[in-house]
Each structure stands twice: as C-alpha cells, then as structure tokens.
Amino acid sequence: MSPQARGHLAMLVFSALVAGSFSLGSIIANEIAPAALNAVRFGIAAGVIGLAALATTGLPRSAAQAPWRYLVLGALFATYFVLMFYGLQTAPPVSAAAVFTLTPVIAAFAGWTLLRQVTTPRMALALVVGATGALWVIFRADWQAFRAFSIGGGEIIYFWGCVAHAIYTPMVRKLNRGEPAVVFTFGTLVAGCLLLTGFGWRDILATDWANLPGIVWLGLFYLSFFATAVSFVLVQFAALRLPSAKVMAYTYLVPSWVILWEIALGNGIPTGLILGGVGLTILALLMLLKDEAPAPQTAPE
C-alpha cells in the first residue's frame, strides 16, 4: 500500500471515530464546562499517546527541540474543541454541522497559503460535490429545512473554531521535523492540555468530578481515547502524506457515518433521498482518491 493510500485509510477511520463522538459528546456536553471537559480529555489522551510512544518509537530528545511548535498546534486544536462546545450551547446541531462542512474549503486555502499546495480543478470539483452531499445528508434532503438555515451567534463562534481546525492540518506538515506521528501527537496533546488547564482552571475546580454520572465518564473516555488520541495520530499521519484539502475532505463523510451510528443505536434507517447525499460524498472521495499530475507551482520568493 502506497503512503498516499495509507493516508486515505487513516482518514477513513478518523471520520468514523469523529462521527461516534457526536452522539456521545452530546450526552455529556451539558454536564461539564467546555474548558474543563477538553482539558481532561487532552490530559487522558496525552497519557495514552505517551505510553504508546514509549512502547513503540520512544521519546527522543530531538523531539523536544523548538517546543513552541507544539504550543502552536495544541492551541489550534484546543481552540477548535472549546469553540465547538461554546458554539453548540446556542447553535442548533444541524446549523453547526453545516458550518463544519466549510472546513475542507478553508483547509484548501490554508494549504495554499502556508505550503503552496495547489487545489487542482478536479479536486475543487470534488470538494463542491462532497459539500453538496454532506449538506444533503445534514438537512435530511429537506429543501425547506435548508432554506430556513440562518446564521446566529453560536454558528459564528463555531465557524472560527473550524478555521482553527483547518489551519491545524497544513501546520502539522509545516512544523514537523521528521518526528513520528505518535511522538508529534504527544507533544501537541501535552501543550494543548497545559493551555486548556491554564484557560479553564476555574471550571476545572468548580466541577463535581466525584458525582458525575457513569455515562459521562464513558463518554469522556471515548472522546479522550478514540476522538482525541487516536484521531490526532490519524490526522497527523495523513497530513504528512496527503494535501491538506484531501485530508479535510474526509469531514464530508462524518454525516454519513453518523447515520450508520444512528442505525446501530436503533434510531431508524434514512430515506432513499438521504442515501443519495451519501452517494455524493462517496463520489467526491473517489474523485480525490484518483492520482493526478500536480499543476506547475511557482517557487516562493
């Protein structure tokens, strides 16, 4: 399997894990303040990834060079998660999900700005097809629901979180100096945990950790291990092998994976019209999977 194919496989798994976090995350969102929740999930994830790094590649001293890199990446991803939860306090889930589909387009722009990664005409078409399919799924193939969409304060807050998420992907490639993905992820998580702890220490102290329901700890474990630790490694692994736009294009699959999660939880099967939207997201990914010769690029001055 080529490096590019492994990158695509990593993002396929990533999209499935992130989709699961929407259902479990919604259960615990109102139980813990956003900063406290994310500080803990980053801390648990850092511990898991640190042990994985020690058991595999180790933690070489060279990885500690220029620690500001981890602060930059940790700040970007921490910003995304905190703003997501703050945004969801007022934004309807459908509207927030629609905002999330803008991430691949922003990532394409960020990839060109930071790395001069060129989005070819076919890749741009794939992004448009994927966005159309994702919106089709999100709005349940209901044109009236789409027409009723309006931008509120929560959507604006979450949009800036999505901007941070999109910038994070090309920054991984720009700041990585040959460190393995697991080591680089560990540094990012530690930095993010420190930043979130400093930002939300009041919320952390105010949370009654001893009396949290069991489902909250179960959801927190999933968010920490699968939706944070594992997904961090997958994104950084893929970002070193694929253009930023292709990495973020897999966010278009999240609504489709959510449908499968809902079916597994016994919440019904979507209509044929909605499945048409799923087909469009798959078509977009097939367009992205096909190799093509890169367009000529002008070397930065």
C-alpha atoms as a PDB file:
ATOM      1  CA  MET A   1       0.000   0.000   0.000  1.00  0.00           C
ATOM      2  CA  SER A   2       1.407   3.380  -1.021  1.00  0.00           C
ATOM      3  CA  PRO A   3       1.954   6.176   1.532  1.00  0.00           C
ATOM      4  CA  GLN A   4      -0.934   8.105  -0.028  1.00  0.00           C
ATOM      5  CA  ALA A   5      -3.267   5.099   0.271  1.00  0.00           C
ATOM      6  CA  ARG A   6      -2.321   4.674   3.926  1.00  0.00           C
ATOM      7  CA  GLY A   7      -3.112   8.349   4.448  1.00  0.00           C
ATOM      8  CA  HIS A   8      -6.578   7.881   2.921  1.00  0.00           C
ATOM      9  CA  LEU A   9      -7.207   4.796   5.067  1.00  0.00           C
ATOM     10  CA  ALA A  10      -6.204   6.734   8.189  1.00  0.00           C
ATOM     11  CA  MET A  11      -8.704   9.488   7.379  1.00  0.00           C
ATOM     12  CA  LEU A  12     -11.456   6.958   6.654  1.00  0.00           C
ATOM     13  CA  VAL A  13     -11.044   5.571  10.175  1.00  0.00           C
ATOM     14  CA  PHE A  14     -10.759   9.116  11.522  1.00  0.00           C
ATOM     15  CA  SER A  15     -14.127  10.131  10.055  1.00  0.00           C
ATOM     16  CA  ALA A  16     -15.848   7.101  11.626  1.00  0.00           C
ATOM     17  CA  LEU A  17     -14.382   7.804  15.062  1.00  0.00           C
ATOM     18  CA  VAL A  18     -15.290  11.501  14.929  1.00  0.00           C
ATOM     19  CA  ALA A  19     -18.862  10.621  13.951  1.00  0.00           C
ATOM     20  CA  GLY A  20     -19.204   8.495  17.081  1.00  0.00           C
ATOM     21  CA  SER A  21     -18.098  11.396  19.227  1.00  0.00           C
ATOM     22  CA  PHE A  22     -21.106  13.484  18.140  1.00  0.00           C
ATOM     23  CA  SER A  23     -23.603  11.114  19.762  1.00  0.00           C
ATOM     24  CA  LEU A  24     -21.639  10.508  22.962  1.00  0.00           C
ATOM     25  CA  GLY A  25     -20.415  14.091  23.158  1.00  0.00           C
ATOM     26  CA  SER A  26     -23.961  15.443  23.091  1.00  0.00           C
ATOM     27  CA  ILE A  27     -24.807  13.330  26.138  1.00  0.00           C
ATOM     28  CA  ILE A  28     -22.106  14.879  28.332  1.00  0.00           C
ATOM     29  CA  ALA A  29     -21.937  18.372  26.828  1.00  0.00           C
ATOM     30  CA  ASN A  30     -24.200  19.890  29.465  1.00  0.00           C
ATOM     31  CA  GLU A  31     -22.552  18.092  32.376  1.00  0.00           C
ATOM     32  CA  ILE A  32     -19.093  19.730  32.195  1.00  0.00           C
ATOM     33  CA  ALA A  33     -17.889  23.199  31.172  1.00  0.00           C
ATOM     34  CA  PRO A  34     -16.200  23.157  27.730  1.00  0.00           C
ATOM     35  CA  ALA A  35     -12.750  24.139  29.004  1.00  0.00           C
ATOM     36  CA  ALA A  36     -12.821  21.600  31.857  1.00  0.00           C
ATOM     37  CA  LEU A  37     -14.072  18.816  29.587  1.00  0.00           C
ATOM     38  CA  ASN A  38     -11.407  19.403  26.986  1.00  0.00           C
ATOM     39  CA  ALA A  39      -8.576  19.874  29.488  1.00  0.00           C
ATOM     40  CA  VAL A  40      -9.348  16.431  30.917  1.00  0.00           C
ATOM     41  CA  ARG A  41      -9.760  14.771  27.512  1.00  0.00           C
ATOM     42  CA  PHE A  42      -6.429  16.230  26.355  1.00  0.00           C
ATOM     43  CA  GLY A  43      -4.764  15.054  29.567  1.00  0.00           C
ATOM     44  CA  ILE A  44      -6.097  11.495  29.287  1.00  0.00           C
ATOM     45  CA  ALA A  45      -5.241  11.372  25.594  1.00  0.00           C
ATOM     46  CA  ALA A  46      -1.713  12.634  26.281  1.00  0.00           C
ATOM     47  CA  GLY A  47      -1.201   9.842  28.808  1.00  0.00           C
ATOM     48  CA  VAL A  48      -2.415   7.197  26.356  1.00  0.00           C
ATOM     49  CA  ILE A  49      -0.299   8.502  23.485  1.00  0.00           C
ATOM     50  CA  GLY A  50       2.738   8.940  25.751  1.00  0.00           C
ATOM     51  CA  LEU A  51       2.593   5.274  26.757  1.00  0.00           C
ATOM     52  CA  ALA A  52       2.133   4.279  23.107  1.00  0.00           C
ATOM     53  CA  ALA A  53       5.167   6.338  22.123  1.00  0.00           C
ATOM     54  CA  LEU A  54       7.326   4.795  24.847  1.00  0.00           C
ATOM     55  CA  ALA A  55       6.258   1.305  23.751  1.00  0.00           C
ATOM     56  CA  THR A  56       6.996   1.926  20.056  1.00  0.00           C
ATOM     57  CA  THR A  57       9.255   4.708  18.829  1.00  0.00           C
ATOM     58  CA  GLY A  58      10.293   6.114  22.193  1.00  0.00           C
ATOM     59  CA  LEU A  59      10.504   9.818  23.019  1.00  0.00           C
ATOM     60  CA  PRO A  60      13.821  11.033  21.597  1.00  0.00           C
ATOM     61  CA  ARG A  61      15.376  14.234  22.907  1.00  0.00           C
ATOM     62  CA  SER A  62      15.388  15.620  19.389  1.00  0.00           C
ATOM     63  CA  ALA A  63      11.589  15.792  19.534  1.00  0.00           C
ATOM     64  CA  ALA A  64      11.846  18.414  22.287  1.00  0.00           C
ATOM     65  CA  GLN A  65      13.593  20.875  20.000  1.00  0.00           C
ATOM     66  CA  ALA A  66      11.609  24.046  19.302  1.00  0.00           C
ATOM     67  CA  PRO A  67       8.781  23.249  21.781  1.00  0.00           C
ATOM     68  CA  TRP A  68       6.906  26.325  20.540  1.00  0.00           C
ATOM     69  CA  ARG A  69       5.754  24.143  17.640  1.00  0.00           C
ATOM     70  CA  TYR A  70       3.641  22.030  19.988  1.00  0.00           C
ATOM     71  CA  LEU A  71       2.176  25.127  21.599  1.00  0.00           C
ATOM     72  CA  VAL A  72       1.054  26.391  18.194  1.00  0.00           C
ATOM     73  CA  LEU A  73      -0.558  23.080  17.221  1.00  0.00           C
ATOM     74  CA  GLY A  74      -2.017  22.493  20.683  1.00  0.00           C
ATOM     75  CA  ALA A  75      -3.527  25.978  20.710  1.00  0.00           C
ATOM     76  CA  LEU A  76      -5.143  25.459  17.293  1.00  0.00           C
ATOM     77  CA  PHE A  77      -6.803  22.160  18.160  1.00  0.00           C
ATOM     78  CA  ALA A  78      -7.752  23.260  21.676  1.00  0.00           C
ATOM     79  CA  THR A  79      -9.354  26.357  20.161  1.00  0.00           C
ATOM     80  CA  TYR A  80     -11.411  24.205  17.813  1.00  0.00           C
ATOM     81  CA  PHE A  81     -12.762  21.927  20.544  1.00  0.00           C
ATOM     82  CA  VAL A  82     -13.546  24.709  23.021  1.00  0.00           C
ATOM     83  CA  LEU A  83     -15.268  26.900  20.426  1.00  0.00           C
ATOM     84  CA  MET A  84     -17.227  23.880  19.187  1.00  0.00           C
ATOM     85  CA  PHE A  85     -18.743  23.318  22.632  1.00  0.00           C
ATOM     86  CA  TYR A  86     -19.343  27.024  23.215  1.00  0.00           C
ATOM     87  CA  GLY A  87     -20.986  27.281  19.801  1.00  0.00           C
ATOM     88  CA  LEU A  88     -23.234  24.278  20.427  1.00  0.00           C
ATOM     89  CA  GLN A  89     -24.595  25.961  23.542  1.00  0.00           C
ATOM     90  CA  THR A  90     -26.699  28.191  21.274  1.00  0.00           C
ATOM     91  CA  ALA A  91     -26.351  26.819  17.721  1.00  0.00           C
ATOM     92  CA  PRO A  92     -28.717  24.038  16.591  1.00  0.00           C
ATOM     93  CA  PRO A  93     -26.805  20.836  15.739  1.00  0.00           C
ATOM     94  CA  VAL A  94     -27.939  20.985  12.079  1.00  0.00           C
ATOM     95  CA  SER A  95     -26.629  24.506  11.620  1.00  0.00           C
ATOM     96  CA  ALA A  96     -23.340  23.672  13.336  1.00  0.00           C
ATOM     97  CA  ALA A  97     -22.883  20.600  11.140  1.00  0.00           C
ATOM     98  CA  ALA A  98     -23.458  22.757   8.068  1.00  0.00           C
ATOM     99  CA  VAL A  99     -20.744  25.137   9.242  1.00  0.00           C
ATOM    100  CA  PHE A 100     -18.408  22.153   9.721  1.00  0.00           C
ATOM    101  CA  THR A 101     -18.655  21.307   6.011  1.00  0.00           C
ATOM    102  CA  LEU A 102     -16.826  24.563   5.257  1.00  0.00           C
ATOM    103  CA  THR A 103     -13.656  23.160   6.873  1.00  0.00           C
ATOM    104  CA  PRO A 104     -12.236  21.398   3.754  1.00  0.00           C
ATOM    105  CA  VAL A 105     -12.560  24.569   1.668  1.00  0.00           C
ATOM    106  CA  ILE A 106     -10.825  26.609   4.373  1.00  0.00           C
ATOM    107  CA  ALA A 107      -8.157  23.892   4.599  1.00  0.00           C
ATOM    108  CA  ALA A 108      -7.525  24.142   0.860  1.00  0.00           C
ATOM    109  CA  PHE A 109      -6.973  27.896   1.200  1.00  0.00           C
ATOM    110  CA  ALA A 110      -4.747  27.417   4.262  1.00  0.00           C
ATOM    111  CA  GLY A 111      -2.770  24.710   2.472  1.00  0.00           C
ATOM    112  CA  TRP A 112      -2.041  27.078  -0.428  1.00  0.00           C
ATOM    113  CA  THR A 113      -1.172  29.978   1.891  1.00  0.00           C
ATOM    114  CA  LEU A 114       1.176  28.025   4.184  1.00  0.00           C
ATOM    115  CA  LEU A 115       2.560  25.315   1.891  1.00  0.00           C
ATOM    116  CA  ARG A 116       1.659  26.468  -1.622  1.00  0.00           C
ATOM    117  CA  GLN A 117      -0.370  23.273  -2.033  1.00  0.00           C
ATOM    118  CA  VAL A 118      -2.338  23.666  -5.260  1.00  0.00           C
ATOM    119  CA  THR A 119      -6.009  22.678  -5.363  1.00  0.00           C
ATOM    120  CA  THR A 120      -6.486  21.362  -8.894  1.00  0.00           C
ATOM    121  CA  PRO A 121      -9.757  21.886 -10.790  1.00  0.00           C
ATOM    122  CA  ARG A 122     -10.776  18.267 -10.208  1.00  0.00           C
ATOM    123  CA  MET A 123     -10.009  18.490  -6.501  1.00  0.00           C
ATOM    124  CA  ALA A 124     -12.060  21.692  -6.290  1.00  0.00           C
ATOM    125  CA  LEU A 125     -14.940  19.935  -8.070  1.00  0.00           C
ATOM    126  CA  ALA A 126     -14.650  17.035  -5.622  1.00  0.00           C
ATOM    127  CA  LEU A 127     -14.848  19.455  -2.692  1.00  0.00           C
ATOM    128  CA  VAL A 128     -18.009  21.010  -4.147  1.00  0.00           C
ATOM    129  CA  VAL A 129     -19.603  17.590  -4.764  1.00  0.00           C
ATOM    130  CA  GLY A 130     -18.695  16.446  -1.260  1.00  0.00           C
ATOM    131  CA  ALA A 131     -20.066  19.594   0.341  1.00  0.00           C
ATOM    132  CA  THR A 132     -23.321  19.218  -1.600  1.00  0.00           C
ATOM    133  CA  GLY A 133     -23.683  15.610  -0.488  1.00  0.00           C
ATOM    134  CA  ALA A 134     -22.895  16.451   3.121  1.00  0.00           C
ATOM    135  CA  LEU A 135     -25.463  19.266   3.200  1.00  0.00           C
ATOM    136  CA  TRP A 136     -27.967  16.918   1.568  1.00  0.00           C
ATOM    137  CA  VAL A 137     -27.457  14.438   4.414  1.00  0.00           C
ATOM    138  CA  ILE A 138     -27.353  17.075   7.170  1.00  0.00           C
ATOM    139  CA  PHE A 139     -30.664  18.637   6.118  1.00  0.00           C
ATOM    140  CA  ARG A 140     -32.272  15.212   5.566  1.00  0.00           C
ATOM    141  CA  ALA A 141     -32.974  16.006   1.896  1.00  0.00           C
ATOM    142  CA  ASP A 142     -35.453  18.660   3.061  1.00  0.00           C
ATOM    143  CA  TRP A 143     -35.282  21.810   0.909  1.00  0.00           C
ATOM    144  CA  GLN A 144     -37.455  23.743   3.359  1.00  0.00           C
ATOM    145  CA  ALA A 145     -35.030  22.932   6.181  1.00  0.00           C
ATOM    146  CA  PHE A 146     -32.154  24.185   4.052  1.00  0.00           C
ATOM    147  CA  ARG A 147     -33.994  27.431   3.201  1.00  0.00           C
ATOM    148  CA  ALA A 148     -34.677  28.020   6.913  1.00  0.00           C
ATOM    149  CA  PHE A 149     -30.958  27.951   7.735  1.00  0.00           C
ATOM    150  CA  SER A 150     -29.781  31.160   9.394  1.00  0.00           C
ATOM    151  CA  ILE A 151     -26.504  32.277  10.899  1.00  0.00           C
ATOM    152  CA  GLY A 152     -26.583  33.009  14.622  1.00  0.00           C
ATOM    153  CA  GLY A 153     -24.026  33.792  17.300  1.00  0.00           C
ATOM    154  CA  GLY A 154     -23.304  30.115  18.003  1.00  0.00           C
ATOM    155  CA  GLU A 155     -22.641  29.366  14.338  1.00  0.00           C
ATOM    156  CA  ILE A 156     -20.218  32.299  14.132  1.00  0.00           C
ATOM    157  CA  ILE A 157     -18.337  31.078  17.226  1.00  0.00           C
ATOM    158  CA  TYR A 158     -18.115  27.557  15.801  1.00  0.00           C
ATOM    159  CA  PHE A 159     -17.024  28.881  12.398  1.00  0.00           C
ATOM    160  CA  TRP A 160     -13.876  30.351  13.956  1.00  0.00           C
ATOM    161  CA  GLY A 161     -13.250  27.014  15.610  1.00  0.00           C
ATOM    162  CA  CYS A 162     -13.457  25.364  12.190  1.00  0.00           C
ATOM    163  CA  VAL A 163     -10.946  27.910  10.869  1.00  0.00           C
ATOM    164  CA  ALA A 164      -8.518  26.827  13.617  1.00  0.00           C
ATOM    165  CA  HIS A 165      -9.156  23.167  12.703  1.00  0.00           C
ATOM    166  CA  ALA A 166      -8.461  23.852   9.023  1.00  0.00           C
ATOM    167  CA  ILE A 167      -5.223  25.732   9.742  1.00  0.00           C
ATOM    168  CA  TYR A 168      -4.019  22.924  12.011  1.00  0.00           C
ATOM    169  CA  THR A 169      -3.721  20.406   9.152  1.00  0.00           C
ATOM    170  CA  PRO A 170      -1.145  22.220   6.956  1.00  0.00           C
ATOM    171  CA  MET A 171       0.664  23.443  10.083  1.00  0.00           C
ATOM    172  CA  VAL A 172       1.400  19.811  11.011  1.00  0.00           C
ATOM    173  CA  ARG A 173       3.385  19.348   7.825  1.00  0.00           C
ATOM    174  CA  LYS A 174       4.989  22.784   8.094  1.00  0.00           C
ATOM    175  CA  LEU A 175       6.205  22.321  11.686  1.00  0.00           C
ATOM    176  CA  ASN A 176       7.075  18.610  11.702  1.00  0.00           C
ATOM    177  CA  ARG A 177      10.838  17.961  11.601  1.00  0.00           C
ATOM    178  CA  GLY A 178      10.773  14.252  10.982  1.00  0.00           C
ATOM    179  CA  GLU A 179       9.241  13.189  14.302  1.00  0.00           C
ATOM    180  CA  PRO A 180       6.991  10.098  14.165  1.00  0.00           C
ATOM    181  CA  ALA A 181       3.268  10.888  14.231  1.00  0.00           C
ATOM    182  CA  VAL A 182       2.818   9.381  17.712  1.00  0.00           C
ATOM    183  CA  VAL A 183       5.644  11.494  19.175  1.00  0.00           C
ATOM    184  CA  PHE A 184       4.448  14.677  17.487  1.00  0.00           C
ATOM    185  CA  THR A 185       0.907  13.966  18.676  1.00  0.00           C
ATOM    186  CA  PHE A 186       2.116  13.520  22.267  1.00  0.00           C
ATOM    187  CA  GLY A 187       3.789  16.919  22.234  1.00  0.00           C
ATOM    188  CA  THR A 188       0.687  18.538  20.769  1.00  0.00           C
ATOM    189  CA  LEU A 189      -1.619  16.964  23.362  1.00  0.00           C
ATOM    190  CA  VAL A 190       0.598  17.932  26.299  1.00  0.00           C
ATOM    191  CA  ALA A 191       0.762  21.512  25.061  1.00  0.00           C
ATOM    192  CA  GLY A 192      -2.986  21.608  24.494  1.00  0.00           C
ATOM    193  CA  CYS A 193      -3.652  20.218  27.976  1.00  0.00           C
ATOM    194  CA  LEU A 194      -1.417  22.846  29.601  1.00  0.00           C
ATOM    195  CA  LEU A 195      -3.069  25.663  27.657  1.00  0.00           C
ATOM    196  CA  LEU A 196      -6.581  24.438  28.451  1.00  0.00           C
ATOM    197  CA  THR A 197      -5.745  23.938  32.134  1.00  0.00           C
ATOM    198  CA  GLY A 198      -4.491  27.499  32.352  1.00  0.00           C
ATOM    199  CA  PHE A 199      -7.527  28.803  30.481  1.00  0.00           C
ATOM    200  CA  GLY A 200     -10.192  26.815  32.333  1.00  0.00           C
ATOM    201  CA  TRP A 201      -8.768  26.195  35.812  1.00  0.00           C
ATOM    202  CA  ARG A 202     -11.790  27.839  37.450  1.00  0.00           C
ATOM    203  CA  ASP A 203     -14.166  25.499  35.615  1.00  0.00           C
ATOM    204  CA  ILE A 204     -11.994  22.502  36.491  1.00  0.00           C
ATOM    205  CA  LEU A 205     -12.127  23.337  40.205  1.00  0.00           C
ATOM    206  CA  ALA A 206     -15.863  24.027  40.067  1.00  0.00           C
ATOM    207  CA  THR A 207     -16.731  20.631  38.512  1.00  0.00           C
ATOM    208  CA  ASP A 208     -18.017  17.960  40.925  1.00  0.00           C
ATOM    209  CA  TRP A 209     -15.916  15.165  39.446  1.00  0.00           C
ATOM    210  CA  ALA A 210     -16.790  12.596  42.133  1.00  0.00           C
ATOM    211  CA  ASN A 211     -20.524  12.739  41.412  1.00  0.00           C
ATOM    212  CA  LEU A 212     -20.514  12.710  37.627  1.00  0.00           C
ATOM    213  CA  PRO A 213     -22.813  10.009  36.140  1.00  0.00           C
ATOM    214  CA  GLY A 214     -21.164   6.868  34.782  1.00  0.00           C
ATOM    215  CA  ILE A 215     -22.250   7.681  31.225  1.00  0.00           C
ATOM    216  CA  VAL A 216     -20.273  10.905  31.461  1.00  0.00           C
ATOM    217  CA  TRP A 217     -17.074   9.007  32.256  1.00  0.00           C
ATOM    218  CA  LEU A 218     -17.824   6.552  29.434  1.00  0.00           C
ATOM    219  CA  GLY A 219     -18.330   9.424  27.008  1.00  0.00           C
ATOM    220  CA  LEU A 220     -15.246  11.195  28.316  1.00  0.00           C
ATOM    221  CA  PHE A 221     -13.179   8.045  27.778  1.00  0.00           C
ATOM    222  CA  TYR A 222     -14.399   7.722  24.194  1.00  0.00           C
ATOM    223  CA  LEU A 223     -13.721  11.378  23.482  1.00  0.00           C
ATOM    224  CA  SER A 224     -10.276  11.165  25.091  1.00  0.00           C
ATOM    225  CA  PHE A 225      -9.081   7.900  23.594  1.00  0.00           C
ATOM    226  CA  PHE A 226     -10.816   7.487  20.233  1.00  0.00           C
ATOM    227  CA  ALA A 227     -11.933  11.001  19.281  1.00  0.00           C
ATOM    228  CA  THR A 228      -8.761  12.697  20.534  1.00  0.00           C
ATOM    229  CA  ALA A 229      -5.738  10.414  20.990  1.00  0.00           C
ATOM    230  CA  VAL A 230      -6.342   8.053  18.073  1.00  0.00           C
ATOM    231  CA  SER A 231      -7.770  10.736  15.783  1.00  0.00           C
ATOM    232  CA  PHE A 232      -4.789  13.034  16.475  1.00  0.00           C
ATOM    233  CA  VAL A 233      -2.396  10.316  15.339  1.00  0.00           C
ATOM    234  CA  LEU A 234      -4.506   9.564  12.260  1.00  0.00           C
ATOM    235  CA  VAL A 235      -4.719  13.214  11.195  1.00  0.00           C
ATOM    236  CA  GLN A 236      -1.009  13.849  11.699  1.00  0.00           C
ATOM    237  CA  PHE A 237      -0.180  10.574   9.922  1.00  0.00           C
ATOM    238  CA  ALA A 238      -2.371  11.553   6.967  1.00  0.00           C
ATOM    239  CA  ALA A 239      -1.283  15.214   6.916  1.00  0.00           C
ATOM    240  CA  LEU A 240       2.314  14.111   6.269  1.00  0.00           C
ATOM    241  CA  ARG A 241       1.200  12.098   3.224  1.00  0.00           C
ATOM    242  CA  LEU A 242      -1.720  13.984   1.672  1.00  0.00           C
ATOM    243  CA  PRO A 243      -2.526  17.585   0.701  1.00  0.00           C
ATOM    244  CA  SER A 244      -4.494  19.477   3.352  1.00  0.00           C
ATOM    245  CA  ALA A 245      -7.650  19.694   1.230  1.00  0.00           C
ATOM    246  CA  LYS A 246      -7.712  15.913   0.776  1.00  0.00           C
ATOM    247  CA  VAL A 247      -7.191  15.326   4.492  1.00  0.00           C
ATOM    248  CA  MET A 248     -10.039  17.619   5.474  1.00  0.00           C
ATOM    249  CA  ALA A 249     -12.297  16.336   2.667  1.00  0.00           C
ATOM    250  CA  TYR A 250     -12.974  13.292   4.831  1.00  0.00           C
ATOM    251  CA  THR A 251     -15.055  15.513   7.111  1.00  0.00           C
ATOM    252  CA  TYR A 252     -17.721  15.171   4.403  1.00  0.00           C
ATOM    253  CA  LEU A 253     -18.118  11.517   5.407  1.00  0.00           C
ATOM    254  CA  VAL A 254     -18.939  12.366   9.019  1.00  0.00           C
ATOM    255  CA  PRO A 255     -22.705  12.905   8.450  1.00  0.00           C
ATOM    256  CA  SER A 256     -22.872   9.578   6.628  1.00  0.00           C
ATOM    257  CA  TRP A 257     -21.069   7.799   9.458  1.00  0.00           C
ATOM    258  CA  VAL A 258     -23.465   9.457  11.925  1.00  0.00           C
ATOM    259  CA  ILE A 259     -26.364   7.857  10.048  1.00  0.00           C
ATOM    260  CA  LEU A 260     -24.726   4.440  10.499  1.00  0.00           C
ATOM    261  CA  TRP A 261     -24.222   5.161  14.196  1.00  0.00           C
ATOM    262  CA  GLU A 262     -27.895   6.115  14.474  1.00  0.00           C
ATOM    263  CA  ILE A 263     -28.939   2.882  12.741  1.00  0.00           C
ATOM    264  CA  ALA A 264     -26.731   0.876  15.119  1.00  0.00           C
ATOM    265  CA  LEU A 265     -28.358   2.654  18.076  1.00  0.00           C
ATOM    266  CA  GLY A 266     -31.813   1.713  16.779  1.00  0.00           C
ATOM    267  CA  ASN A 267     -32.868   5.178  15.660  1.00  0.00           C
ATOM    268  CA  GLY A 268     -34.150   4.194  12.234  1.00  0.00           C
ATOM    269  CA  ILE A 269     -32.947   3.951   8.627  1.00  0.00           C
ATOM    270  CA  PRO A 270     -32.766   7.105   6.470  1.00  0.00           C
ATOM    271  CA  THR A 271     -34.862   7.530   3.334  1.00  0.00           C
ATOM    272  CA  GLY A 272     -33.630   6.890  -0.183  1.00  0.00           C
ATOM    273  CA  LEU A 273     -33.298  10.623  -0.833  1.00  0.00           C
ATOM    274  CA  ILE A 274     -30.848  10.972   2.056  1.00  0.00           C
ATOM    275  CA  LEU A 275     -28.869   7.996   0.793  1.00  0.00           C
ATOM    276  CA  GLY A 276     -28.445   9.972  -2.438  1.00  0.00           C
ATOM    277  CA  GLY A 277     -26.469  12.531  -0.454  1.00  0.00           C
ATOM    278  CA  VAL A 278     -24.325   9.744   0.987  1.00  0.00           C
ATOM    279  CA  GLY A 279     -23.612   8.650  -2.578  1.00  0.00           C
ATOM    280  CA  LEU A 280     -22.381  12.135  -3.476  1.00  0.00           C
ATOM    281  CA  THR A 281     -19.900  12.177  -0.573  1.00  0.00           C
ATOM    282  CA  ILE A 282     -18.585   8.783  -1.667  1.00  0.00           C
ATOM    283  CA  LEU A 283     -18.286  10.042  -5.251  1.00  0.00           C
ATOM    284  CA  ALA A 284     -16.277  13.034  -4.016  1.00  0.00           C
ATOM    285  CA  LEU A 285     -13.887  10.765  -2.151  1.00  0.00           C
ATOM    286  CA  LEU A 286     -13.426   8.542  -5.202  1.00  0.00           C
ATOM    287  CA  MET A 287     -12.504  11.663  -7.164  1.00  0.00           C
ATOM    288  CA  LEU A 288      -9.928  12.536  -4.521  1.00  0.00           C
ATOM    289  CA  LEU A 289      -8.510   9.022  -4.423  1.00  0.00           C
ATOM    290  CA  LYS A 290      -7.532   9.144  -8.096  1.00  0.00           C
ATOM    291  CA  ASP A 291      -3.943  10.300  -8.622  1.00  0.00           C
ATOM    292  CA  GLU A 292      -3.249  13.202 -10.924  1.00  0.00           C
ATOM    293  CA  ALA A 293      -0.179  15.109 -12.005  1.00  0.00           C
ATOM    294  CA  PRO A 294       0.340  18.208  -9.859  1.00  0.00           C
ATOM    295  CA  ALA A 295      -0.069  21.573 -11.501  1.00  0.00           C
ATOM    296  CA  PRO A 296       3.096  23.619 -12.031  1.00  0.00           C
ATOM    297  CA  GLN A 297       3.995  25.622  -8.944  1.00  0.00           C
ATOM    298  CA  THR A 298       5.955  28.806  -8.585  1.00  0.00           C
ATOM    299  CA  ALA A 299       8.696  28.622  -6.000  1.00  0.00           C
ATOM    300  CA  PRO A 300       8.163  31.123  -3.178  1.00  0.00           C
ATOM    301  CA  GLU A 301      10.477  34.102  -3.301  1.00  0.00           C
END
